[in-house]
Amino acid sequence: MNNKYFFVGLTAILLLSSSLGFSEESKQPRPDTFTDIESNKDMLDPYNLGLLVERGDVKAINNVGLLWATGHDGKQSFEEAVKWWTEAANRGYPLAMNNLGLAYANGQGVAQDIKQAFDWWLKSAIGGNAWAMNSVGDCYETGDGVTQDFVLAMTWYKTAADAGDPLAHYNVGALYQTGRGVERSLDSAHDWFMGGAELGDPYSMLSLGDFYRDGLRGERDLVEAFSWYQISMLRLDPQDVGGLTFAESEANSINAQLNETQKQEAATRIELLKKFTAPQTVEQNLDEGESRI
């Protein structure tokens, strides 16, 4: 499991990490949600949201909550955010349910209650939200808010992965690697990590670095290991100091063992991996307000 519960500020809307951000499950922009990709101002524009709220637009109701949570014009209140998200959730909006799960997990605007968080994530997951599916899997893996069950954790992780969640690919791979909830298979773990890396998940990239560093599927490949550690540093969120420190330490250690030819090979490989592991674009991530956990 590689989830931490935290909230992000308005300035983090443009972050393209697998651990933070705001996302939309559809790859296409929603015409009824105001989004200006260039300036990123209309998504949470109070006037635009007000017009949509008057029409009962559930996405706008959710985004008013986002506006309160991230702060606008010197005003910020998680309590108000929770009120708006609850209204949108009661109208059946899965993204708002996911945001409520995050609020309860962090105790932001409400008393911290991981059981409530799980219940909201489960409702959101049933409604089709991939990130919530992954969060439900996390809860089953760790036993947070529910009885620990690795088989159900794997089931939800795979469901989330099938729905396109990058981090879920890592979580499936991690369970295959450790043999929890499934028969241990390093080949399967590697394949799931590769799938997560292709979608831009940095933890999958770190795991691939470990695979090639240790030769878990055969001979060690230090050029490949170095390349994956380097790429992971480009994709990790700046706030993940632990992950960045680990990746940098491993990359530096391996770099000291490479000869000049290998370093040139690694440079070429890294350029290729930059294209192969490109995360979702800003346009794909900004359509609707949802808080990543």
C-alpha atoms as a PDB file:
ATOM      1  CA  MET A   1       0.000   0.000   0.000  1.00  0.00           C
ATOM      2  CA  ASN A   2       1.385   3.376  -0.923  1.00  0.00           C
ATOM      3  CA  ASN A   3      -1.301   5.846   0.052  1.00  0.00           C
ATOM      4  CA  LYS A   4      -1.091   8.685   2.511  1.00  0.00           C
ATOM      5  CA  TYR A   5      -4.044  10.876   3.371  1.00  0.00           C
ATOM      6  CA  PHE A   6      -3.466  14.542   2.782  1.00  0.00           C
ATOM      7  CA  PHE A   7      -5.079  17.529   1.111  1.00  0.00           C
ATOM      8  CA  VAL A   8      -3.615  19.824  -1.495  1.00  0.00           C
ATOM      9  CA  GLY A   9      -3.869  23.572  -1.888  1.00  0.00           C
ATOM     10  CA  LEU A  10      -5.046  25.540  -4.873  1.00  0.00           C
ATOM     11  CA  THR A  11      -1.487  25.926  -6.127  1.00  0.00           C
ATOM     12  CA  ALA A  12      -1.269  22.137  -6.397  1.00  0.00           C
ATOM     13  CA  ILE A  13      -3.967  21.892  -9.042  1.00  0.00           C
ATOM     14  CA  LEU A  14      -1.334  21.777 -11.765  1.00  0.00           C
ATOM     15  CA  LEU A  15       0.691  18.998 -10.141  1.00  0.00           C
ATOM     16  CA  LEU A  16       0.876  15.911 -12.326  1.00  0.00           C
ATOM     17  CA  SER A  17       1.736  13.334  -9.736  1.00  0.00           C
ATOM     18  CA  SER A  18       0.083  10.088  -8.884  1.00  0.00           C
ATOM     19  CA  SER A  19      -0.135  10.992  -5.272  1.00  0.00           C
ATOM     20  CA  LEU A  20      -1.767  14.429  -5.491  1.00  0.00           C
ATOM     21  CA  GLY A  21      -3.899  16.486  -7.739  1.00  0.00           C
ATOM     22  CA  PHE A  22      -7.359  16.955  -9.082  1.00  0.00           C
ATOM     23  CA  SER A  23      -8.616  14.572 -11.683  1.00  0.00           C
ATOM     24  CA  GLU A  24     -11.457  13.625 -13.943  1.00  0.00           C
ATOM     25  CA  GLU A  25     -12.190  10.017 -14.757  1.00  0.00           C
ATOM     26  CA  SER A  26     -13.107  10.852 -18.345  1.00  0.00           C
ATOM     27  CA  LYS A  27     -10.336  11.762 -20.782  1.00  0.00           C
ATOM     28  CA  GLN A  28     -12.604  14.357 -22.433  1.00  0.00           C
ATOM     29  CA  PRO A  29     -13.268  17.878 -21.082  1.00  0.00           C
ATOM     30  CA  ARG A  30     -16.725  18.335 -19.641  1.00  0.00           C
ATOM     31  CA  PRO A  31     -18.548  21.220 -21.378  1.00  0.00           C
ATOM     32  CA  ASP A  32     -20.620  21.972 -18.281  1.00  0.00           C
ATOM     33  CA  THR A  33     -17.575  22.454 -16.075  1.00  0.00           C
ATOM     34  CA  PHE A  34     -15.717  25.721 -16.549  1.00  0.00           C
ATOM     35  CA  THR A  35     -12.086  24.967 -17.218  1.00  0.00           C
ATOM     36  CA  ASP A  36      -9.460  27.280 -18.651  1.00  0.00           C
ATOM     37  CA  ILE A  37      -6.391  25.115 -19.267  1.00  0.00           C
ATOM     38  CA  GLU A  38      -4.128  28.067 -20.032  1.00  0.00           C
ATOM     39  CA  SER A  39      -4.737  30.182 -16.945  1.00  0.00           C
ATOM     40  CA  ASN A  40      -6.499  27.623 -14.748  1.00  0.00           C
ATOM     41  CA  LYS A  41      -8.800  30.308 -13.395  1.00  0.00           C
ATOM     42  CA  ASP A  42     -12.295  29.446 -14.567  1.00  0.00           C
ATOM     43  CA  MET A  43     -12.466  25.993 -13.012  1.00  0.00           C
ATOM     44  CA  LEU A  44     -13.066  27.561  -9.590  1.00  0.00           C
ATOM     45  CA  ASP A  45     -14.333  30.974 -10.664  1.00  0.00           C
ATOM     46  CA  PRO A  46     -16.970  31.910  -8.028  1.00  0.00           C
ATOM     47  CA  TYR A  47     -19.216  33.721 -10.540  1.00  0.00           C
ATOM     48  CA  ASN A  48     -19.262  30.807 -12.960  1.00  0.00           C
ATOM     49  CA  LEU A  49     -19.815  28.330 -10.148  1.00  0.00           C
ATOM     50  CA  GLY A  50     -22.625  30.463  -8.775  1.00  0.00           C
ATOM     51  CA  LEU A  51     -24.455  30.360 -12.085  1.00  0.00           C
ATOM     52  CA  LEU A  52     -24.123  26.597 -12.271  1.00  0.00           C
ATOM     53  CA  VAL A  53     -25.141  26.071  -8.629  1.00  0.00           C
ATOM     54  CA  GLU A  54     -28.318  28.050  -9.303  1.00  0.00           C
ATOM     55  CA  ARG A  55     -29.087  25.522 -12.043  1.00  0.00           C
ATOM     56  CA  GLY A  56     -28.421  22.656  -9.631  1.00  0.00           C
ATOM     57  CA  ASP A  57     -25.214  21.555 -11.373  1.00  0.00           C
ATOM     58  CA  VAL A  58     -23.774  18.858  -9.107  1.00  0.00           C
ATOM     59  CA  LYS A  59     -20.226  19.337 -10.422  1.00  0.00           C
ATOM     60  CA  ALA A  60     -20.397  23.013  -9.513  1.00  0.00           C
ATOM     61  CA  ILE A  61     -21.666  22.151  -6.028  1.00  0.00           C
ATOM     62  CA  ASN A  62     -18.648  19.860  -5.615  1.00  0.00           C
ATOM     63  CA  ASN A  63     -16.300  22.573  -6.871  1.00  0.00           C
ATOM     64  CA  VAL A  64     -17.698  25.163  -4.456  1.00  0.00           C
ATOM     65  CA  GLY A  65     -16.548  22.777  -1.764  1.00  0.00           C
ATOM     66  CA  LEU A  66     -13.173  22.615  -3.456  1.00  0.00           C
ATOM     67  CA  LEU A  67     -13.044  26.418  -3.460  1.00  0.00           C
ATOM     68  CA  TRP A  68     -13.663  26.509   0.281  1.00  0.00           C
ATOM     69  CA  ALA A  69     -11.115  23.761   0.938  1.00  0.00           C
ATOM     70  CA  THR A  70      -8.314  25.351  -1.069  1.00  0.00           C
ATOM     71  CA  GLY A  71      -9.154  28.920  -0.102  1.00  0.00           C
ATOM     72  CA  HIS A  72     -10.327  31.914  -2.101  1.00  0.00           C
ATOM     73  CA  ASP A  73     -10.055  35.657  -1.508  1.00  0.00           C
ATOM     74  CA  GLY A  74      -8.536  35.095   1.913  1.00  0.00           C
ATOM     75  CA  LYS A  75     -11.264  32.715   3.024  1.00  0.00           C
ATOM     76  CA  GLN A  76     -10.733  29.008   3.684  1.00  0.00           C
ATOM     77  CA  SER A  77     -12.856  26.540   5.585  1.00  0.00           C
ATOM     78  CA  PHE A  78     -12.850  22.755   5.514  1.00  0.00           C
ATOM     79  CA  GLU A  79     -16.127  22.827   7.446  1.00  0.00           C
ATOM     80  CA  GLU A  80     -17.813  24.705   4.597  1.00  0.00           C
ATOM     81  CA  ALA A  81     -16.137  22.421   2.055  1.00  0.00           C
ATOM     82  CA  VAL A  82     -17.609  19.371   3.769  1.00  0.00           C
ATOM     83  CA  LYS A  83     -21.103  20.930   3.662  1.00  0.00           C
ATOM     84  CA  TRP A  84     -20.922  21.419  -0.105  1.00  0.00           C
ATOM     85  CA  TRP A  85     -19.358  18.016  -0.741  1.00  0.00           C
ATOM     86  CA  THR A  86     -22.063  16.391   1.385  1.00  0.00           C
ATOM     87  CA  GLU A  87     -24.731  18.112  -0.691  1.00  0.00           C
ATOM     88  CA  ALA A  88     -23.136  16.924  -3.932  1.00  0.00           C
ATOM     89  CA  ALA A  89     -22.596  13.436  -2.523  1.00  0.00           C
ATOM     90  CA  ASN A  90     -26.229  13.199  -1.415  1.00  0.00           C
ATOM     91  CA  ARG A  91     -27.151  13.967  -5.022  1.00  0.00           C
ATOM     92  CA  GLY A  92     -25.152  10.926  -6.083  1.00  0.00           C
ATOM     93  CA  TYR A  93     -21.897  12.540  -7.265  1.00  0.00           C
ATOM     94  CA  PRO A  94     -18.998  10.024  -6.848  1.00  0.00           C
ATOM     95  CA  LEU A  95     -16.222  12.658  -6.878  1.00  0.00           C
ATOM     96  CA  ALA A  96     -17.780  14.470  -3.935  1.00  0.00           C
ATOM     97  CA  MET A  97     -18.060  11.154  -2.091  1.00  0.00           C
ATOM     98  CA  ASN A  98     -14.347  10.608  -2.658  1.00  0.00           C
ATOM     99  CA  ASN A  99     -13.561  14.090  -1.317  1.00  0.00           C
ATOM    100  CA  LEU A 100     -15.625  13.374   1.786  1.00  0.00           C
ATOM    101  CA  GLY A 101     -13.631  10.191   2.280  1.00  0.00           C
ATOM    102  CA  LEU A 102     -10.477  12.256   2.231  1.00  0.00           C
ATOM    103  CA  ALA A 103     -11.904  14.794   4.672  1.00  0.00           C
ATOM    104  CA  TYR A 104     -12.858  12.092   7.169  1.00  0.00           C
ATOM    105  CA  ALA A 105      -9.505  10.320   6.750  1.00  0.00           C
ATOM    106  CA  ASN A 106      -7.624  13.532   7.551  1.00  0.00           C
ATOM    107  CA  GLY A 107     -10.056  14.989  10.066  1.00  0.00           C
ATOM    108  CA  GLN A 108     -10.430  18.128   7.950  1.00  0.00           C
ATOM    109  CA  GLY A 109     -13.706  19.876   8.627  1.00  0.00           C
ATOM    110  CA  VAL A 110     -14.977  16.830  10.532  1.00  0.00           C
ATOM    111  CA  ALA A 111     -13.749  14.618  13.336  1.00  0.00           C
ATOM    112  CA  GLN A 112     -11.243  12.119  11.978  1.00  0.00           C
ATOM    113  CA  ASP A 113     -13.070   8.859  11.336  1.00  0.00           C
ATOM    114  CA  ILE A 114     -11.467   6.271   9.048  1.00  0.00           C
ATOM    115  CA  LYS A 115     -14.616   4.123   9.149  1.00  0.00           C
ATOM    116  CA  GLN A 116     -16.612   7.032   7.731  1.00  0.00           C
ATOM    117  CA  ALA A 117     -13.841   7.587   5.197  1.00  0.00           C
ATOM    118  CA  PHE A 118     -14.080   3.962   4.104  1.00  0.00           C
ATOM    119  CA  ASP A 119     -17.873   4.150   3.812  1.00  0.00           C
ATOM    120  CA  TRP A 120     -17.690   7.229   1.558  1.00  0.00           C
ATOM    121  CA  TRP A 121     -14.911   5.719  -0.560  1.00  0.00           C
ATOM    122  CA  LEU A 122     -16.936   2.538  -0.962  1.00  0.00           C
ATOM    123  CA  LYS A 123     -19.969   4.522  -2.167  1.00  0.00           C
ATOM    124  CA  SER A 124     -17.744   6.474  -4.547  1.00  0.00           C
ATOM    125  CA  ALA A 125     -16.119   3.265  -5.798  1.00  0.00           C
ATOM    126  CA  ILE A 126     -19.492   1.671  -6.455  1.00  0.00           C
ATOM    127  CA  GLY A 127     -20.305   4.844  -8.383  1.00  0.00           C
ATOM    128  CA  GLY A 128     -17.332   4.197 -10.651  1.00  0.00           C
ATOM    129  CA  ASN A 129     -14.585   6.398  -9.190  1.00  0.00           C
ATOM    130  CA  ALA A 130     -11.230   4.699  -9.823  1.00  0.00           C
ATOM    131  CA  TRP A 131      -9.333   6.538  -7.104  1.00  0.00           C
ATOM    132  CA  ALA A 132     -11.945   5.581  -4.543  1.00  0.00           C
ATOM    133  CA  MET A 133     -11.651   1.962  -5.683  1.00  0.00           C
ATOM    134  CA  ASN A 134      -7.939   2.136  -4.932  1.00  0.00           C
ATOM    135  CA  SER A 135      -8.641   3.702  -1.532  1.00  0.00           C
ATOM    136  CA  VAL A 136     -11.056   0.897  -0.669  1.00  0.00           C
ATOM    137  CA  GLY A 137      -8.293  -1.527  -1.583  1.00  0.00           C
ATOM    138  CA  ASP A 138      -5.915   0.360   0.707  1.00  0.00           C
ATOM    139  CA  CYS A 139      -8.334   0.079   3.599  1.00  0.00           C
ATOM    140  CA  TYR A 140      -8.700  -3.663   3.108  1.00  0.00           C
ATOM    141  CA  GLU A 141      -4.927  -4.066   2.882  1.00  0.00           C
ATOM    142  CA  THR A 142      -4.194  -2.099   6.051  1.00  0.00           C
ATOM    143  CA  GLY A 143      -7.349  -2.894   7.999  1.00  0.00           C
ATOM    144  CA  ASP A 144      -8.220   0.797   8.307  1.00  0.00           C
ATOM    145  CA  GLY A 145     -11.952   1.162   8.917  1.00  0.00           C
ATOM    146  CA  VAL A 146     -12.634  -2.431   7.928  1.00  0.00           C
ATOM    147  CA  THR A 147     -11.441  -5.965   8.703  1.00  0.00           C
ATOM    148  CA  GLN A 148      -8.116  -6.616   6.977  1.00  0.00           C
ATOM    149  CA  ASP A 149      -8.540  -8.816   3.914  1.00  0.00           C
ATOM    150  CA  PHE A 150      -5.751  -9.116   1.340  1.00  0.00           C
ATOM    151  CA  VAL A 151      -7.967 -10.952  -1.147  1.00  0.00           C
ATOM    152  CA  LEU A 152     -10.498  -8.110  -1.159  1.00  0.00           C
ATOM    153  CA  ALA A 153      -7.626  -5.614  -1.286  1.00  0.00           C
ATOM    154  CA  MET A 154      -6.335  -7.282  -4.446  1.00  0.00           C
ATOM    155  CA  THR A 155      -9.841  -7.384  -5.912  1.00  0.00           C
ATOM    156  CA  TRP A 156     -10.365  -3.653  -5.429  1.00  0.00           C
ATOM    157  CA  TYR A 157      -6.861  -2.766  -6.601  1.00  0.00           C
ATOM    158  CA  LYS A 158      -7.388  -4.714  -9.815  1.00  0.00           C
ATOM    159  CA  THR A 159     -10.779  -3.085 -10.295  1.00  0.00           C
ATOM    160  CA  ALA A 160      -9.195   0.341  -9.847  1.00  0.00           C
ATOM    161  CA  ALA A 161      -6.369  -0.547 -12.219  1.00  0.00           C
ATOM    162  CA  ASP A 162      -8.838  -1.732 -14.843  1.00  0.00           C
ATOM    163  CA  ALA A 163     -10.583   1.627 -14.430  1.00  0.00           C
ATOM    164  CA  GLY A 164      -7.296   3.414 -15.172  1.00  0.00           C
ATOM    165  CA  ASP A 165      -5.850   4.356 -11.773  1.00  0.00           C
ATOM    166  CA  PRO A 166      -2.009   4.381 -12.046  1.00  0.00           C
ATOM    167  CA  LEU A 167      -1.318   3.881  -8.339  1.00  0.00           C
ATOM    168  CA  ALA A 168      -3.532   0.809  -8.290  1.00  0.00           C
ATOM    169  CA  HIS A 169      -1.150  -0.864 -10.733  1.00  0.00           C
ATOM    170  CA  TYR A 170       1.633  -0.388  -8.193  1.00  0.00           C
ATOM    171  CA  ASN A 171      -0.517  -1.768  -5.391  1.00  0.00           C
ATOM    172  CA  VAL A 172      -1.417  -4.881  -7.399  1.00  0.00           C
ATOM    173  CA  GLY A 173       2.259  -5.390  -8.210  1.00  0.00           C
ATOM    174  CA  ALA A 174       3.238  -4.999  -4.562  1.00  0.00           C
ATOM    175  CA  LEU A 175       0.797  -7.703  -3.482  1.00  0.00           C
ATOM    176  CA  TYR A 176       2.093 -10.052  -6.178  1.00  0.00           C
ATOM    177  CA  GLN A 177       5.655  -9.332  -5.070  1.00  0.00           C
ATOM    178  CA  THR A 178       4.901 -10.168  -1.435  1.00  0.00           C
ATOM    179  CA  GLY A 179       2.349 -12.916  -2.079  1.00  0.00           C
ATOM    180  CA  ARG A 180      -0.423 -11.329  -0.032  1.00  0.00           C
ATOM    181  CA  GLY A 181      -3.935 -12.145  -1.210  1.00  0.00           C
ATOM    182  CA  VAL A 182      -2.500 -13.974  -4.200  1.00  0.00           C
ATOM    183  CA  GLU A 183       0.183 -16.529  -5.047  1.00  0.00           C
ATOM    184  CA  ARG A 184       3.560 -14.810  -5.132  1.00  0.00           C
ATOM    185  CA  SER A 185       4.743 -14.055  -8.660  1.00  0.00           C
ATOM    186  CA  LEU A 186       7.667 -11.774  -9.441  1.00  0.00           C
ATOM    187  CA  ASP A 187       6.841 -11.920 -13.150  1.00  0.00           C
ATOM    188  CA  SER A 188       3.324 -10.655 -12.486  1.00  0.00           C
ATOM    189  CA  ALA A 189       4.632  -8.026 -10.087  1.00  0.00           C
ATOM    190  CA  HIS A 190       7.059  -6.762 -12.724  1.00  0.00           C
ATOM    191  CA  ASP A 191       4.328  -6.591 -15.364  1.00  0.00           C
ATOM    192  CA  TRP A 192       1.992  -4.617 -13.102  1.00  0.00           C
ATOM    193  CA  PHE A 193       4.785  -2.225 -12.129  1.00  0.00           C
ATOM    194  CA  MET A 194       5.525  -1.719 -15.808  1.00  0.00           C
ATOM    195  CA  GLY A 195       1.871  -0.941 -16.440  1.00  0.00           C
ATOM    196  CA  GLY A 196       1.838   1.586 -13.612  1.00  0.00           C
ATOM    197  CA  ALA A 197       5.056   3.187 -14.823  1.00  0.00           C
ATOM    198  CA  GLU A 198       3.619   3.584 -18.305  1.00  0.00           C
ATOM    199  CA  LEU A 199       0.738   5.534 -16.740  1.00  0.00           C
ATOM    200  CA  GLY A 200       3.184   7.784 -14.890  1.00  0.00           C
ATOM    201  CA  ASP A 201       3.140   6.238 -11.411  1.00  0.00           C
ATOM    202  CA  PRO A 202       6.494   6.969  -9.718  1.00  0.00           C
ATOM    203  CA  TYR A 203       6.230   4.167  -7.151  1.00  0.00           C
ATOM    204  CA  SER A 204       5.975   1.624  -9.923  1.00  0.00           C
ATOM    205  CA  MET A 205       9.134   3.175 -11.382  1.00  0.00           C
ATOM    206  CA  LEU A 206      10.942   2.861  -8.049  1.00  0.00           C
ATOM    207  CA  SER A 207       9.925  -0.779  -7.846  1.00  0.00           C
ATOM    208  CA  LEU A 208      11.243  -1.421 -11.351  1.00  0.00           C
ATOM    209  CA  GLY A 209      14.518   0.153 -10.279  1.00  0.00           C
ATOM    210  CA  ASP A 210      14.645  -2.304  -7.380  1.00  0.00           C
ATOM    211  CA  PHE A 211      13.871  -5.218  -9.702  1.00  0.00           C
ATOM    212  CA  TYR A 212      16.762  -4.453 -12.039  1.00  0.00           C
ATOM    213  CA  ARG A 213      19.130  -3.418  -9.244  1.00  0.00           C
ATOM    214  CA  ASP A 214      18.653  -6.740  -7.456  1.00  0.00           C
ATOM    215  CA  GLY A 215      18.156  -8.954 -10.514  1.00  0.00           C
ATOM    216  CA  LEU A 216      14.850 -10.256  -9.218  1.00  0.00           C
ATOM    217  CA  ARG A 217      13.982 -11.781 -12.594  1.00  0.00           C
ATOM    218  CA  GLY A 218      17.458 -12.806 -13.683  1.00  0.00           C
ATOM    219  CA  GLU A 219      20.728 -10.956 -14.073  1.00  0.00           C
ATOM    220  CA  ARG A 220      21.154  -7.498 -12.607  1.00  0.00           C
ATOM    221  CA  ASP A 221      20.877  -4.593 -15.061  1.00  0.00           C
ATOM    222  CA  LEU A 222      22.398  -1.497 -13.501  1.00  0.00           C
ATOM    223  CA  VAL A 223      21.794   0.664 -16.567  1.00  0.00           C
ATOM    224  CA  GLU A 224      18.085  -0.132 -16.455  1.00  0.00           C
ATOM    225  CA  ALA A 225      17.934   0.283 -12.676  1.00  0.00           C
ATOM    226  CA  PHE A 226      19.681   3.665 -12.827  1.00  0.00           C
ATOM    227  CA  SER A 227      17.329   4.815 -15.590  1.00  0.00           C
ATOM    228  CA  TRP A 228      14.204   3.944 -13.626  1.00  0.00           C
ATOM    229  CA  TYR A 229      15.445   5.640 -10.459  1.00  0.00           C
ATOM    230  CA  GLN A 230      16.238   8.757 -12.456  1.00  0.00           C
ATOM    231  CA  ILE A 231      12.836   8.803 -14.129  1.00  0.00           C
ATOM    232  CA  SER A 232      11.055   8.284 -10.810  1.00  0.00           C
ATOM    233  CA  MET A 233      12.637  11.493  -9.500  1.00  0.00           C
ATOM    234  CA  LEU A 234      11.012  13.381 -12.357  1.00  0.00           C
ATOM    235  CA  ARG A 235       7.591  11.951 -11.519  1.00  0.00           C
ATOM    236  CA  LEU A 236       7.611  11.946  -7.704  1.00  0.00           C
ATOM    237  CA  ASP A 237       5.771  14.752  -5.986  1.00  0.00           C
ATOM    238  CA  PRO A 238       8.160  17.352  -4.479  1.00  0.00           C
ATOM    239  CA  GLN A 239       6.509  16.802  -1.088  1.00  0.00           C
ATOM    240  CA  ASP A 240       7.510  13.132  -1.074  1.00  0.00           C
ATOM    241  CA  VAL A 241      10.901  13.766   0.462  1.00  0.00           C
ATOM    242  CA  GLY A 242      11.364  10.142   1.476  1.00  0.00           C
ATOM    243  CA  GLY A 243      10.755   8.818  -2.013  1.00  0.00           C
ATOM    244  CA  LEU A 244      12.990  11.425  -3.622  1.00  0.00           C
ATOM    245  CA  THR A 245      15.781  10.823  -1.129  1.00  0.00           C
ATOM    246  CA  PHE A 246      15.666   7.056  -1.718  1.00  0.00           C
ATOM    247  CA  ALA A 247      15.624   7.397  -5.506  1.00  0.00           C
ATOM    248  CA  GLU A 248      18.503   9.868  -5.505  1.00  0.00           C
ATOM    249  CA  SER A 249      20.576   7.721  -3.145  1.00  0.00           C
ATOM    250  CA  GLU A 250      20.097   4.593  -5.261  1.00  0.00           C
ATOM    251  CA  ALA A 251      20.779   6.459  -8.499  1.00  0.00           C
ATOM    252  CA  ASN A 252      23.987   7.959  -7.120  1.00  0.00           C
ATOM    253  CA  SER A 253      25.168   4.597  -5.810  1.00  0.00           C
ATOM    254  CA  ILE A 254      24.597   2.898  -9.154  1.00  0.00           C
ATOM    255  CA  ASN A 255      26.056   5.792 -11.146  1.00  0.00           C
ATOM    256  CA  ALA A 256      29.347   5.331  -9.326  1.00  0.00           C
ATOM    257  CA  GLN A 257      29.458   1.747 -10.656  1.00  0.00           C
ATOM    258  CA  LEU A 258      28.796   2.568 -14.317  1.00  0.00           C
ATOM    259  CA  ASN A 259      31.496   3.057 -16.903  1.00  0.00           C
ATOM    260  CA  GLU A 260      31.278   5.789 -19.535  1.00  0.00           C
ATOM    261  CA  THR A 261      29.663   3.541 -22.132  1.00  0.00           C
ATOM    262  CA  GLN A 262      26.997   2.462 -19.660  1.00  0.00           C
ATOM    263  CA  LYS A 263      26.347   6.082 -18.689  1.00  0.00           C
ATOM    264  CA  GLN A 264      25.748   6.944 -22.332  1.00  0.00           C
ATOM    265  CA  GLU A 265      23.403   3.974 -22.656  1.00  0.00           C
ATOM    266  CA  ALA A 266      21.540   5.155 -19.565  1.00  0.00           C
ATOM    267  CA  ALA A 267      21.195   8.676 -20.939  1.00  0.00           C
ATOM    268  CA  THR A 268      19.619   7.309 -24.102  1.00  0.00           C
ATOM    269  CA  ARG A 269      17.356   5.016 -22.123  1.00  0.00           C
ATOM    270  CA  ILE A 270      16.203   7.850 -19.864  1.00  0.00           C
ATOM    271  CA  GLU A 271      15.156   9.965 -22.839  1.00  0.00           C
ATOM    272  CA  LEU A 272      13.097   7.055 -24.126  1.00  0.00           C
ATOM    273  CA  LEU A 273      11.499   6.454 -20.731  1.00  0.00           C
ATOM    274  CA  LYS A 274      10.515  10.113 -20.465  1.00  0.00           C
ATOM    275  CA  LYS A 275       8.204   9.556 -23.415  1.00  0.00           C
ATOM    276  CA  PHE A 276       7.116   6.079 -22.361  1.00  0.00           C
ATOM    277  CA  THR A 277       6.121   7.140 -18.848  1.00  0.00           C
ATOM    278  CA  ALA A 278       4.540  10.518 -19.562  1.00  0.00           C
ATOM    279  CA  PRO A 279       1.853  11.206 -16.928  1.00  0.00           C
ATOM    280  CA  GLN A 280      -1.619  12.458 -17.749  1.00  0.00           C
ATOM    281  CA  THR A 281      -1.774  15.901 -19.305  1.00  0.00           C
ATOM    282  CA  VAL A 282      -3.000  18.987 -17.502  1.00  0.00           C
ATOM    283  CA  GLU A 283      -6.188  18.899 -19.583  1.00  0.00           C
ATOM    284  CA  GLN A 284      -6.903  15.373 -18.446  1.00  0.00           C
ATOM    285  CA  ASN A 285      -6.337  16.304 -14.807  1.00  0.00           C
ATOM    286  CA  LEU A 286      -8.276  19.548 -14.483  1.00  0.00           C
ATOM    287  CA  ASP A 287     -11.812  18.879 -15.586  1.00  0.00           C
ATOM    288  CA  GLU A 288     -13.294  18.352 -12.160  1.00  0.00           C
ATOM    289  CA  GLY A 289     -12.287  19.002  -8.580  1.00  0.00           C
ATOM    290  CA  GLU A 290     -11.212  15.866  -6.799  1.00  0.00           C
ATOM    291  CA  SER A 291      -8.632  15.487  -4.055  1.00  0.00           C
ATOM    292  CA  ARG A 292      -6.029  12.771  -4.492  1.00  0.00           C
ATOM    293  CA  ILE A 293      -5.044  10.727  -1.462  1.00  0.00           C
END
